[in-house]
Amino acid sequence: MTTLRRTLRTAGRAAAITGAAGLAGIAYASVIERNWFRLRHYRIPLLDPGSPRLRVLHISDTHLTPGRRMLLEWLRGLEAYDPDFVVNTGDSIAHPDAIEPFVSALGPLLDRPGAFVFGSNDLYSPQIKNPARYLWRSSREDYSKRKVPDLPWRELGAAMSARGWLDLNNRKGEVKADGRDIALAGVHDSHIGLDRYETVAGAADAEADLRVGVLHSPEPANLNHFAADGYQLLLAGHTHGGQLCLPFYGTVVTNCGIDRRRAWGLHRYAGTWLHVSGGLGTSPTAPARFCCRPEASLLDLEARD
């Protein structure tokens, strides 16, 4: 009996320690890391020899709800980095009342040259789901029965367009930033089957100083199209960098066709440069990050040697 009591006490202590560690991990992921924003900084030798630097700010996946005060305040501070051009790769809102706070937080950034595409969560409000399902399938199937958007995506697009940002949802366009001509093409979110690359297909303008492809979800099929058409820099989001990652392993799932190694950050892809943002937010139904801090990125495009 003495041995049994000792065994039970030991097991009880182990269970208590495990439970406390689990609660501490949940608290860290949902309170600390979720609000531990960072700005990544990359230098990309992309421009013609002798060209001055062109600074691009890439933001994505804020999934904004009105109460995210720390996120809103951090967004307001990005103007201080003086970008020449801003790209938003979607999933900006997660609540019908989030447009005004989002636009207000962007503030003077909207007065700079910019462009945007939508993500699925700009159209459809978040729903409670089992996160473990991402281990064997993407969330694309979740939208197959949702035919009518219930978030004010038109108003979101109008708010950004009214300030001069270019709507690239299955569209091409051009902007001038810091005196340079930027040729742009973008597609709507492939995750909900709204991408139509055929509407923007064709060789990018070879006379432009820079050629950029923009998409929310980094699906290889669209990435290959952009690369084949001569776009030098591809910008995407959607993955959240994995959101819940493992130490020494990294991203577990990407929720799209891109491989784990390129779930976030800067990479070479099919002869072009690809930057996938790890994103700034989380779905309100899964408000946690682990080993995957929320982020935006500054891309300093520099002259090739």
C-alpha atoms as a PDB file:
ATOM      1  CA  MET A   1       0.000   0.000   0.000  1.00  0.00           C
ATOM      2  CA  THR A   2       2.858   2.353   0.788  1.00  0.00           C
ATOM      3  CA  THR A   3       4.360   1.783  -2.637  1.00  0.00           C
ATOM      4  CA  LEU A   4       0.970   2.325  -4.270  1.00  0.00           C
ATOM      5  CA  ARG A   5       0.450   5.601  -2.390  1.00  0.00           C
ATOM      6  CA  ARG A   6       3.865   6.842  -3.459  1.00  0.00           C
ATOM      7  CA  THR A   7       3.159   5.907  -7.074  1.00  0.00           C
ATOM      8  CA  LEU A   8      -0.171   7.726  -6.977  1.00  0.00           C
ATOM      9  CA  ARG A   9       1.405  10.816  -5.397  1.00  0.00           C
ATOM     10  CA  THR A  10       4.154  10.832  -8.034  1.00  0.00           C
ATOM     11  CA  ALA A  11       1.611  10.461 -10.828  1.00  0.00           C
ATOM     12  CA  GLY A  12      -0.466  13.252  -9.323  1.00  0.00           C
ATOM     13  CA  ARG A  13       2.499  15.587  -9.148  1.00  0.00           C
ATOM     14  CA  ALA A  14       3.453  14.781 -12.747  1.00  0.00           C
ATOM     15  CA  ALA A  15      -0.105  15.466 -13.897  1.00  0.00           C
ATOM     16  CA  ALA A  16      -0.166  18.758 -12.004  1.00  0.00           C
ATOM     17  CA  ILE A  17       3.153  19.840 -13.509  1.00  0.00           C
ATOM     18  CA  THR A  18       2.000  18.848 -16.992  1.00  0.00           C
ATOM     19  CA  GLY A  19      -1.277  20.723 -16.530  1.00  0.00           C
ATOM     20  CA  ALA A  20       0.490  23.837 -15.267  1.00  0.00           C
ATOM     21  CA  ALA A  21       2.923  23.735 -18.177  1.00  0.00           C
ATOM     22  CA  GLY A  22       0.014  23.385 -20.597  1.00  0.00           C
ATOM     23  CA  LEU A  23      -1.804  26.358 -19.097  1.00  0.00           C
ATOM     24  CA  ALA A  24       1.387  28.428 -19.173  1.00  0.00           C
ATOM     25  CA  GLY A  25       1.886  27.534 -22.840  1.00  0.00           C
ATOM     26  CA  ILE A  26      -1.673  28.538 -23.711  1.00  0.00           C
ATOM     27  CA  ALA A  27      -1.291  31.830 -21.820  1.00  0.00           C
ATOM     28  CA  TYR A  28       2.004  32.580 -23.587  1.00  0.00           C
ATOM     29  CA  ALA A  29       0.636  31.761 -27.058  1.00  0.00           C
ATOM     30  CA  SER A  30      -2.650  33.645 -26.660  1.00  0.00           C
ATOM     31  CA  VAL A  31      -1.530  36.681 -24.655  1.00  0.00           C
ATOM     32  CA  ILE A  32       2.189  37.248 -25.141  1.00  0.00           C
ATOM     33  CA  GLU A  33       3.282  35.934 -28.532  1.00  0.00           C
ATOM     34  CA  ARG A  34       0.031  36.875 -30.248  1.00  0.00           C
ATOM     35  CA  ASN A  35       0.818  40.523 -29.393  1.00  0.00           C
ATOM     36  CA  TRP A  36       4.610  40.342 -29.811  1.00  0.00           C
ATOM     37  CA  PHE A  37       4.760  42.005 -33.211  1.00  0.00           C
ATOM     38  CA  ARG A  38       7.946  42.266 -35.233  1.00  0.00           C
ATOM     39  CA  LEU A  39       9.071  43.935 -38.428  1.00  0.00           C
ATOM     40  CA  ARG A  40      11.227  41.756 -40.652  1.00  0.00           C
ATOM     41  CA  HIS A  41      13.738  43.507 -42.880  1.00  0.00           C
ATOM     42  CA  TYR A  42      15.096  42.091 -46.135  1.00  0.00           C
ATOM     43  CA  ARG A  43      17.438  43.416 -48.786  1.00  0.00           C
ATOM     44  CA  ILE A  44      16.770  42.102 -52.294  1.00  0.00           C
ATOM     45  CA  PRO A  45      19.184  42.717 -55.223  1.00  0.00           C
ATOM     46  CA  LEU A  46      16.456  43.131 -57.793  1.00  0.00           C
ATOM     47  CA  LEU A  47      16.680  46.516 -59.536  1.00  0.00           C
ATOM     48  CA  ASP A  48      18.766  47.520 -62.524  1.00  0.00           C
ATOM     49  CA  PRO A  49      22.409  48.409 -61.799  1.00  0.00           C
ATOM     50  CA  GLY A  50      22.738  51.967 -60.566  1.00  0.00           C
ATOM     51  CA  SER A  51      19.125  52.195 -59.342  1.00  0.00           C
ATOM     52  CA  PRO A  52      18.459  53.790 -55.947  1.00  0.00           C
ATOM     53  CA  ARG A  53      16.759  51.733 -53.247  1.00  0.00           C
ATOM     54  CA  LEU A  54      12.995  51.209 -53.389  1.00  0.00           C
ATOM     55  CA  ARG A  55      11.377  50.324 -50.036  1.00  0.00           C
ATOM     56  CA  VAL A  56       8.277  48.099 -50.073  1.00  0.00           C
ATOM     57  CA  LEU A  57       6.157  47.516 -46.957  1.00  0.00           C
ATOM     58  CA  HIS A  58       4.278  44.200 -47.053  1.00  0.00           C
ATOM     59  CA  ILE A  59       1.394  43.706 -44.612  1.00  0.00           C
ATOM     60  CA  SER A  60      -1.024  40.797 -44.497  1.00  0.00           C
ATOM     61  CA  ASP A  61      -3.560  38.854 -42.465  1.00  0.00           C
ATOM     62  CA  THR A  62      -4.426  41.332 -39.745  1.00  0.00           C
ATOM     63  CA  HIS A  63      -7.809  39.559 -39.246  1.00  0.00           C
ATOM     64  CA  LEU A  64      -8.832  42.703 -37.432  1.00  0.00           C
ATOM     65  CA  THR A  65     -11.533  42.959 -34.817  1.00  0.00           C
ATOM     66  CA  PRO A  66     -12.276  46.340 -33.179  1.00  0.00           C
ATOM     67  CA  GLY A  67     -10.757  45.388 -29.828  1.00  0.00           C
ATOM     68  CA  ARG A  68      -7.205  44.654 -31.052  1.00  0.00           C
ATOM     69  CA  ARG A  69      -5.744  47.865 -29.617  1.00  0.00           C
ATOM     70  CA  MET A  70      -2.134  46.692 -29.453  1.00  0.00           C
ATOM     71  CA  LEU A  71      -2.248  45.586 -33.090  1.00  0.00           C
ATOM     72  CA  LEU A  72      -3.844  48.842 -34.183  1.00  0.00           C
ATOM     73  CA  GLU A  73      -1.228  50.891 -32.365  1.00  0.00           C
ATOM     74  CA  TRP A  74       1.589  48.855 -33.889  1.00  0.00           C
ATOM     75  CA  LEU A  75       0.127  49.336 -37.366  1.00  0.00           C
ATOM     76  CA  ARG A  76       0.087  53.095 -36.837  1.00  0.00           C
ATOM     77  CA  GLY A  77       3.827  53.036 -36.176  1.00  0.00           C
ATOM     78  CA  LEU A  78       4.727  51.568 -39.583  1.00  0.00           C
ATOM     79  CA  GLU A  79       4.527  54.977 -41.259  1.00  0.00           C
ATOM     80  CA  ALA A  80       7.769  55.895 -39.481  1.00  0.00           C
ATOM     81  CA  TYR A  81       9.714  53.489 -41.721  1.00  0.00           C
ATOM     82  CA  ASP A  82       8.997  55.674 -44.752  1.00  0.00           C
ATOM     83  CA  PRO A  83       8.072  53.027 -47.357  1.00  0.00           C
ATOM     84  CA  ASP A  84       7.882  54.025 -51.007  1.00  0.00           C
ATOM     85  CA  PHE A  85       5.181  51.471 -51.787  1.00  0.00           C
ATOM     86  CA  VAL A  86       2.748  49.423 -49.645  1.00  0.00           C
ATOM     87  CA  VAL A  87       1.175  46.052 -50.488  1.00  0.00           C
ATOM     88  CA  ASN A  88      -1.638  44.428 -48.489  1.00  0.00           C
ATOM     89  CA  THR A  89      -2.169  40.762 -49.354  1.00  0.00           C
ATOM     90  CA  GLY A  90      -5.540  40.336 -47.696  1.00  0.00           C
ATOM     91  CA  ASP A  91      -7.497  38.892 -44.777  1.00  0.00           C
ATOM     92  CA  SER A  92      -7.562  42.376 -43.308  1.00  0.00           C
ATOM     93  CA  ILE A  93     -10.799  42.104 -41.327  1.00  0.00           C
ATOM     94  CA  ALA A  94     -12.648  39.532 -39.244  1.00  0.00           C
ATOM     95  CA  HIS A  95     -15.592  41.631 -38.070  1.00  0.00           C
ATOM     96  CA  PRO A  96     -18.129  43.916 -39.805  1.00  0.00           C
ATOM     97  CA  ASP A  97     -17.070  46.860 -37.627  1.00  0.00           C
ATOM     98  CA  ALA A  98     -13.355  46.502 -38.344  1.00  0.00           C
ATOM     99  CA  ILE A  99     -13.051  48.646 -41.479  1.00  0.00           C
ATOM    100  CA  GLU A 100     -12.926  52.047 -39.793  1.00  0.00           C
ATOM    101  CA  PRO A 101     -10.287  50.989 -37.214  1.00  0.00           C
ATOM    102  CA  PHE A 102      -8.219  49.324 -39.961  1.00  0.00           C
ATOM    103  CA  VAL A 103      -8.269  52.356 -42.246  1.00  0.00           C
ATOM    104  CA  SER A 104      -7.571  54.676 -39.318  1.00  0.00           C
ATOM    105  CA  ALA A 105      -4.578  52.579 -38.230  1.00  0.00           C
ATOM    106  CA  LEU A 106      -3.095  52.589 -41.727  1.00  0.00           C
ATOM    107  CA  GLY A 107      -3.414  56.358 -41.615  1.00  0.00           C
ATOM    108  CA  PRO A 108      -0.775  58.138 -43.733  1.00  0.00           C
ATOM    109  CA  LEU A 109       0.272  54.839 -45.338  1.00  0.00           C
ATOM    110  CA  LEU A 110      -2.862  55.147 -47.454  1.00  0.00           C
ATOM    111  CA  ASP A 111      -1.476  58.387 -48.877  1.00  0.00           C
ATOM    112  CA  ARG A 112       1.485  56.481 -50.275  1.00  0.00           C
ATOM    113  CA  PRO A 113       1.356  54.370 -53.452  1.00  0.00           C
ATOM    114  CA  GLY A 114      -0.224  51.042 -52.599  1.00  0.00           C
ATOM    115  CA  ALA A 115      -2.078  47.971 -53.814  1.00  0.00           C
ATOM    116  CA  PHE A 116      -4.212  45.211 -52.313  1.00  0.00           C
ATOM    117  CA  VAL A 117      -5.976  41.918 -52.862  1.00  0.00           C
ATOM    118  CA  PHE A 118      -8.620  40.221 -50.748  1.00  0.00           C
ATOM    119  CA  GLY A 119      -8.421  36.997 -48.777  1.00  0.00           C
ATOM    120  CA  SER A 120     -11.316  34.684 -47.979  1.00  0.00           C
ATOM    121  CA  ASN A 121     -11.702  36.196 -44.516  1.00  0.00           C
ATOM    122  CA  ASP A 122     -12.388  39.627 -45.986  1.00  0.00           C
ATOM    123  CA  LEU A 123     -15.596  38.108 -47.382  1.00  0.00           C
ATOM    124  CA  TYR A 124     -16.603  35.460 -44.865  1.00  0.00           C
ATOM    125  CA  SER A 125     -16.717  35.813 -41.091  1.00  0.00           C
ATOM    126  CA  PRO A 126     -14.748  33.303 -39.000  1.00  0.00           C
ATOM    127  CA  GLN A 127     -16.429  30.142 -37.791  1.00  0.00           C
ATOM    128  CA  ILE A 128     -15.419  27.850 -34.947  1.00  0.00           C
ATOM    129  CA  LYS A 129     -13.567  24.795 -36.263  1.00  0.00           C
ATOM    130  CA  ASN A 130     -11.182  22.147 -35.039  1.00  0.00           C
ATOM    131  CA  PRO A 131      -7.628  23.375 -35.772  1.00  0.00           C
ATOM    132  CA  ALA A 132      -6.384  19.774 -35.933  1.00  0.00           C
ATOM    133  CA  ARG A 133      -8.184  19.379 -39.270  1.00  0.00           C
ATOM    134  CA  TYR A 134      -5.433  21.422 -40.919  1.00  0.00           C
ATOM    135  CA  LEU A 135      -3.151  18.418 -40.419  1.00  0.00           C
ATOM    136  CA  TRP A 136      -4.935  16.445 -43.144  1.00  0.00           C
ATOM    137  CA  ARG A 137      -6.742  19.067 -45.246  1.00  0.00           C
ATOM    138  CA  SER A 138      -6.871  22.780 -45.928  1.00  0.00           C
ATOM    139  CA  SER A 139      -9.724  25.069 -44.921  1.00  0.00           C
ATOM    140  CA  ARG A 140     -10.761  25.503 -48.555  1.00  0.00           C
ATOM    141  CA  GLU A 141     -13.478  22.887 -48.108  1.00  0.00           C
ATOM    142  CA  ASP A 142     -15.032  24.982 -45.335  1.00  0.00           C
ATOM    143  CA  TYR A 143     -16.125  27.580 -47.886  1.00  0.00           C
ATOM    144  CA  SER A 144     -17.778  25.186 -50.344  1.00  0.00           C
ATOM    145  CA  LYS A 145     -21.214  25.702 -48.737  1.00  0.00           C
ATOM    146  CA  ARG A 146     -20.819  29.420 -48.000  1.00  0.00           C
ATOM    147  CA  LYS A 147     -22.089  31.152 -51.107  1.00  0.00           C
ATOM    148  CA  VAL A 148     -23.023  34.603 -49.799  1.00  0.00           C
ATOM    149  CA  PRO A 149     -20.309  36.774 -48.181  1.00  0.00           C
ATOM    150  CA  ASP A 150     -21.328  38.170 -44.794  1.00  0.00           C
ATOM    151  CA  LEU A 151     -18.529  40.732 -44.287  1.00  0.00           C
ATOM    152  CA  PRO A 152     -18.480  44.207 -45.932  1.00  0.00           C
ATOM    153  CA  TRP A 153     -15.675  43.445 -48.386  1.00  0.00           C
ATOM    154  CA  ARG A 154     -16.907  45.987 -50.939  1.00  0.00           C
ATOM    155  CA  GLU A 155     -16.712  48.756 -48.347  1.00  0.00           C
ATOM    156  CA  LEU A 156     -13.218  47.596 -47.379  1.00  0.00           C
ATOM    157  CA  GLY A 157     -12.039  47.754 -50.974  1.00  0.00           C
ATOM    158  CA  ALA A 158     -13.721  51.104 -51.541  1.00  0.00           C
ATOM    159  CA  ALA A 159     -12.010  52.576 -48.463  1.00  0.00           C
ATOM    160  CA  MET A 160      -8.549  51.621 -49.743  1.00  0.00           C
ATOM    161  CA  SER A 161      -9.291  52.525 -53.366  1.00  0.00           C
ATOM    162  CA  ALA A 162     -10.623  55.946 -52.341  1.00  0.00           C
ATOM    163  CA  ARG A 163      -7.194  56.773 -50.936  1.00  0.00           C
ATOM    164  CA  GLY A 164      -5.465  55.715 -54.156  1.00  0.00           C
ATOM    165  CA  TRP A 165      -4.498  52.101 -53.533  1.00  0.00           C
ATOM    166  CA  LEU A 166      -4.822  49.840 -56.559  1.00  0.00           C
ATOM    167  CA  ASP A 167      -7.338  46.974 -56.460  1.00  0.00           C
ATOM    168  CA  LEU A 168      -5.523  43.942 -57.932  1.00  0.00           C
ATOM    169  CA  ASN A 169      -8.214  41.290 -57.540  1.00  0.00           C
ATOM    170  CA  ASN A 170      -7.885  39.594 -60.955  1.00  0.00           C
ATOM    171  CA  ARG A 171      -6.571  42.875 -62.348  1.00  0.00           C
ATOM    172  CA  LYS A 172      -3.477  44.497 -63.761  1.00  0.00           C
ATOM    173  CA  GLY A 173      -2.308  48.037 -63.137  1.00  0.00           C
ATOM    174  CA  GLU A 174       0.602  50.405 -62.824  1.00  0.00           C
ATOM    175  CA  VAL A 175       1.717  52.784 -60.123  1.00  0.00           C
ATOM    176  CA  LYS A 176       4.563  55.222 -59.811  1.00  0.00           C
ATOM    177  CA  ALA A 177       6.568  55.084 -56.584  1.00  0.00           C
ATOM    178  CA  ASP A 178       9.593  57.241 -55.886  1.00  0.00           C
ATOM    179  CA  GLY A 179       9.694  58.107 -59.566  1.00  0.00           C
ATOM    180  CA  ARG A 180       9.778  54.453 -60.663  1.00  0.00           C
ATOM    181  CA  ASP A 181       7.159  52.697 -62.796  1.00  0.00           C
ATOM    182  CA  ILE A 182       5.837  49.523 -61.159  1.00  0.00           C
ATOM    183  CA  ALA A 183       3.849  47.041 -63.281  1.00  0.00           C
ATOM    184  CA  LEU A 184       1.436  45.021 -61.151  1.00  0.00           C
ATOM    185  CA  ALA A 185      -0.875  42.055 -61.549  1.00  0.00           C
ATOM    186  CA  GLY A 186      -2.916  40.250 -58.935  1.00  0.00           C
ATOM    187  CA  VAL A 187      -5.467  37.523 -58.402  1.00  0.00           C
ATOM    188  CA  HIS A 188      -8.330  37.097 -55.979  1.00  0.00           C
ATOM    189  CA  ASP A 189      -8.119  34.371 -53.355  1.00  0.00           C
ATOM    190  CA  SER A 190      -7.639  30.895 -54.803  1.00  0.00           C
ATOM    191  CA  HIS A 191      -8.671  29.460 -51.452  1.00  0.00           C
ATOM    192  CA  ILE A 192     -12.301  30.183 -52.284  1.00  0.00           C
ATOM    193  CA  GLY A 193     -11.955  29.629 -56.027  1.00  0.00           C
ATOM    194  CA  LEU A 194     -12.110  33.298 -57.032  1.00  0.00           C
ATOM    195  CA  ASP A 195      -8.694  33.498 -58.697  1.00  0.00           C
ATOM    196  CA  ARG A 196      -8.828  34.078 -62.452  1.00  0.00           C
ATOM    197  CA  TYR A 197      -5.273  34.250 -63.683  1.00  0.00           C
ATOM    198  CA  GLU A 198      -6.467  34.246 -67.285  1.00  0.00           C
ATOM    199  CA  THR A 199      -7.711  37.820 -66.784  1.00  0.00           C
ATOM    200  CA  VAL A 200      -4.169  39.057 -66.118  1.00  0.00           C
ATOM    201  CA  ALA A 201      -2.193  36.533 -68.165  1.00  0.00           C
ATOM    202  CA  GLY A 202       0.504  37.713 -70.533  1.00  0.00           C
ATOM    203  CA  ALA A 203       4.012  39.057 -70.344  1.00  0.00           C
ATOM    204  CA  ALA A 204       4.613  41.758 -67.756  1.00  0.00           C
ATOM    205  CA  ASP A 205       5.661  45.160 -69.063  1.00  0.00           C
ATOM    206  CA  ALA A 206       9.360  44.802 -69.804  1.00  0.00           C
ATOM    207  CA  GLU A 207       9.777  48.598 -69.822  1.00  0.00           C
ATOM    208  CA  ALA A 208       8.687  48.959 -66.197  1.00  0.00           C
ATOM    209  CA  ASP A 209      11.307  49.543 -63.522  1.00  0.00           C
ATOM    210  CA  LEU A 210       9.770  46.758 -61.435  1.00  0.00           C
ATOM    211  CA  ARG A 211       7.255  43.966 -62.056  1.00  0.00           C
ATOM    212  CA  VAL A 212       5.278  42.651 -59.042  1.00  0.00           C
ATOM    213  CA  GLY A 213       2.713  39.855 -58.742  1.00  0.00           C
ATOM    214  CA  VAL A 214       0.295  39.960 -55.786  1.00  0.00           C
ATOM    215  CA  LEU A 215      -1.869  37.152 -54.386  1.00  0.00           C
ATOM    216  CA  HIS A 216      -3.296  36.126 -51.062  1.00  0.00           C
ATOM    217  CA  SER A 217      -2.677  32.387 -50.998  1.00  0.00           C
ATOM    218  CA  PRO A 218       0.707  31.261 -52.410  1.00  0.00           C
ATOM    219  CA  GLU A 219      -0.611  28.427 -54.536  1.00  0.00           C
ATOM    220  CA  PRO A 220       2.135  27.037 -56.789  1.00  0.00           C
ATOM    221  CA  ALA A 221      -0.057  27.095 -59.915  1.00  0.00           C
ATOM    222  CA  ASN A 222      -0.495  30.871 -59.727  1.00  0.00           C
ATOM    223  CA  LEU A 223       3.094  31.441 -58.610  1.00  0.00           C
ATOM    224  CA  ASN A 224       4.282  29.546 -61.682  1.00  0.00           C
ATOM    225  CA  HIS A 225       2.071  31.688 -63.939  1.00  0.00           C
ATOM    226  CA  PHE A 226       3.418  34.922 -62.480  1.00  0.00           C
ATOM    227  CA  ALA A 227       6.995  33.735 -62.784  1.00  0.00           C
ATOM    228  CA  ALA A 228       6.505  32.602 -66.378  1.00  0.00           C
ATOM    229  CA  ASP A 229       5.029  36.002 -67.272  1.00  0.00           C
ATOM    230  CA  GLY A 230       8.143  37.787 -66.043  1.00  0.00           C
ATOM    231  CA  TYR A 231       7.135  39.174 -62.641  1.00  0.00           C
ATOM    232  CA  GLN A 232      10.271  39.721 -60.582  1.00  0.00           C
ATOM    233  CA  LEU A 233       8.752  39.825 -57.090  1.00  0.00           C
ATOM    234  CA  LEU A 234       5.764  37.843 -55.835  1.00  0.00           C
ATOM    235  CA  LEU A 235       4.005  38.834 -52.603  1.00  0.00           C
ATOM    236  CA  ALA A 236       1.592  36.565 -50.723  1.00  0.00           C
ATOM    237  CA  GLY A 237       0.216  35.903 -47.249  1.00  0.00           C
ATOM    238  CA  HIS A 238      -2.420  33.469 -45.946  1.00  0.00           C
ATOM    239  CA  THR A 239      -0.179  30.904 -44.227  1.00  0.00           C
ATOM    240  CA  HIS A 240       0.372  32.806 -40.954  1.00  0.00           C
ATOM    241  CA  GLY A 241       3.774  31.152 -41.136  1.00  0.00           C
ATOM    242  CA  GLY A 242       2.076  28.081 -39.706  1.00  0.00           C
ATOM    243  CA  GLN A 243       0.785  30.050 -36.679  1.00  0.00           C
ATOM    244  CA  LEU A 244       1.388  27.156 -34.266  1.00  0.00           C
ATOM    245  CA  CYS A 245       4.902  25.923 -34.996  1.00  0.00           C
ATOM    246  CA  LEU A 246       7.222  23.462 -33.326  1.00  0.00           C
ATOM    247  CA  PRO A 247      10.626  24.340 -31.875  1.00  0.00           C
ATOM    248  CA  PHE A 248      13.497  23.087 -34.062  1.00  0.00           C
ATOM    249  CA  TYR A 249      10.956  21.960 -36.683  1.00  0.00           C
ATOM    250  CA  GLY A 250       9.099  25.078 -37.689  1.00  0.00           C
ATOM    251  CA  THR A 251       5.914  25.202 -39.720  1.00  0.00           C
ATOM    252  CA  VAL A 252       3.673  22.155 -39.403  1.00  0.00           C
ATOM    253  CA  VAL A 253       0.953  23.069 -41.928  1.00  0.00           C
ATOM    254  CA  THR A 254       0.663  25.778 -44.598  1.00  0.00           C
ATOM    255  CA  ASN A 255      -3.095  25.501 -45.340  1.00  0.00           C
ATOM    256  CA  CYS A 256      -2.313  25.737 -49.067  1.00  0.00           C
ATOM    257  CA  GLY A 257      -0.100  24.184 -51.730  1.00  0.00           C
ATOM    258  CA  ILE A 258       3.166  25.905 -50.808  1.00  0.00           C
ATOM    259  CA  ASP A 259       5.766  23.731 -49.110  1.00  0.00           C
ATOM    260  CA  ARG A 260       6.569  24.125 -45.412  1.00  0.00           C
ATOM    261  CA  ARG A 261      10.034  25.547 -46.100  1.00  0.00           C
ATOM    262  CA  ARG A 262       8.521  28.527 -47.902  1.00  0.00           C
ATOM    263  CA  ALA A 263       5.559  29.087 -45.579  1.00  0.00           C
ATOM    264  CA  TRP A 264       6.966  32.502 -44.644  1.00  0.00           C
ATOM    265  CA  GLY A 265       9.905  34.714 -45.468  1.00  0.00           C
ATOM    266  CA  LEU A 266      11.923  35.452 -48.589  1.00  0.00           C
ATOM    267  CA  HIS A 267      12.802  32.710 -51.058  1.00  0.00           C
ATOM    268  CA  ARG A 268      13.715  32.085 -54.661  1.00  0.00           C
ATOM    269  CA  TYR A 269      10.892  30.537 -56.634  1.00  0.00           C
ATOM    270  CA  ALA A 270      10.995  29.526 -60.315  1.00  0.00           C
ATOM    271  CA  GLY A 271      13.595  32.149 -61.097  1.00  0.00           C
ATOM    272  CA  THR A 272      11.842  34.985 -59.280  1.00  0.00           C
ATOM    273  CA  TRP A 273      11.710  36.286 -55.687  1.00  0.00           C
ATOM    274  CA  LEU A 274       8.848  35.185 -53.453  1.00  0.00           C
ATOM    275  CA  HIS A 275       7.997  36.780 -50.118  1.00  0.00           C
ATOM    276  CA  VAL A 276       5.303  35.140 -48.000  1.00  0.00           C
ATOM    277  CA  SER A 277       4.240  37.187 -45.000  1.00  0.00           C
ATOM    278  CA  GLY A 278       3.734  35.386 -41.708  1.00  0.00           C
ATOM    279  CA  GLY A 279       0.896  37.839 -41.076  1.00  0.00           C
ATOM    280  CA  LEU A 280      -0.060  40.067 -38.178  1.00  0.00           C
ATOM    281  CA  GLY A 281      -3.164  38.440 -36.798  1.00  0.00           C
ATOM    282  CA  THR A 282      -5.042  35.252 -36.097  1.00  0.00           C
ATOM    283  CA  SER A 283      -8.590  34.150 -36.591  1.00  0.00           C
ATOM    284  CA  PRO A 284     -10.708  35.230 -33.582  1.00  0.00           C
ATOM    285  CA  THR A 285     -11.650  31.558 -33.180  1.00  0.00           C
ATOM    286  CA  ALA A 286      -7.987  30.520 -32.774  1.00  0.00           C
ATOM    287  CA  PRO A 287      -6.349  33.499 -31.014  1.00  0.00           C
ATOM    288  CA  ALA A 288      -2.880  32.078 -30.409  1.00  0.00           C
ATOM    289  CA  ARG A 289       0.590  31.916 -31.943  1.00  0.00           C
ATOM    290  CA  PHE A 290       3.480  29.717 -30.914  1.00  0.00           C
ATOM    291  CA  CYS A 291       7.059  29.932 -32.207  1.00  0.00           C
ATOM    292  CA  CYS A 292       5.653  32.142 -34.956  1.00  0.00           C
ATOM    293  CA  ARG A 293       5.468  35.800 -33.976  1.00  0.00           C
ATOM    294  CA  PRO A 294       3.089  38.114 -35.877  1.00  0.00           C
ATOM    295  CA  GLU A 295       4.922  40.208 -38.445  1.00  0.00           C
ATOM    296  CA  ALA A 296       5.044  42.690 -41.287  1.00  0.00           C
ATOM    297  CA  SER A 297       8.043  43.083 -43.610  1.00  0.00           C
ATOM    298  CA  LEU A 298      10.157  45.823 -45.115  1.00  0.00           C
ATOM    299  CA  LEU A 299      11.651  44.797 -48.436  1.00  0.00           C
ATOM    300  CA  ASP A 300      14.496  47.059 -49.509  1.00  0.00           C
ATOM    301  CA  LEU A 301      14.833  46.490 -53.240  1.00  0.00           C
ATOM    302  CA  GLU A 302      18.382  47.367 -54.289  1.00  0.00           C
ATOM    303  CA  ALA A 303      20.423  47.424 -57.463  1.00  0.00           C
ATOM    304  CA  ARG A 304      21.946  44.200 -58.708  1.00  0.00           C
ATOM    305  CA  ASP A 305      25.722  44.093 -58.828  1.00  0.00           C
END
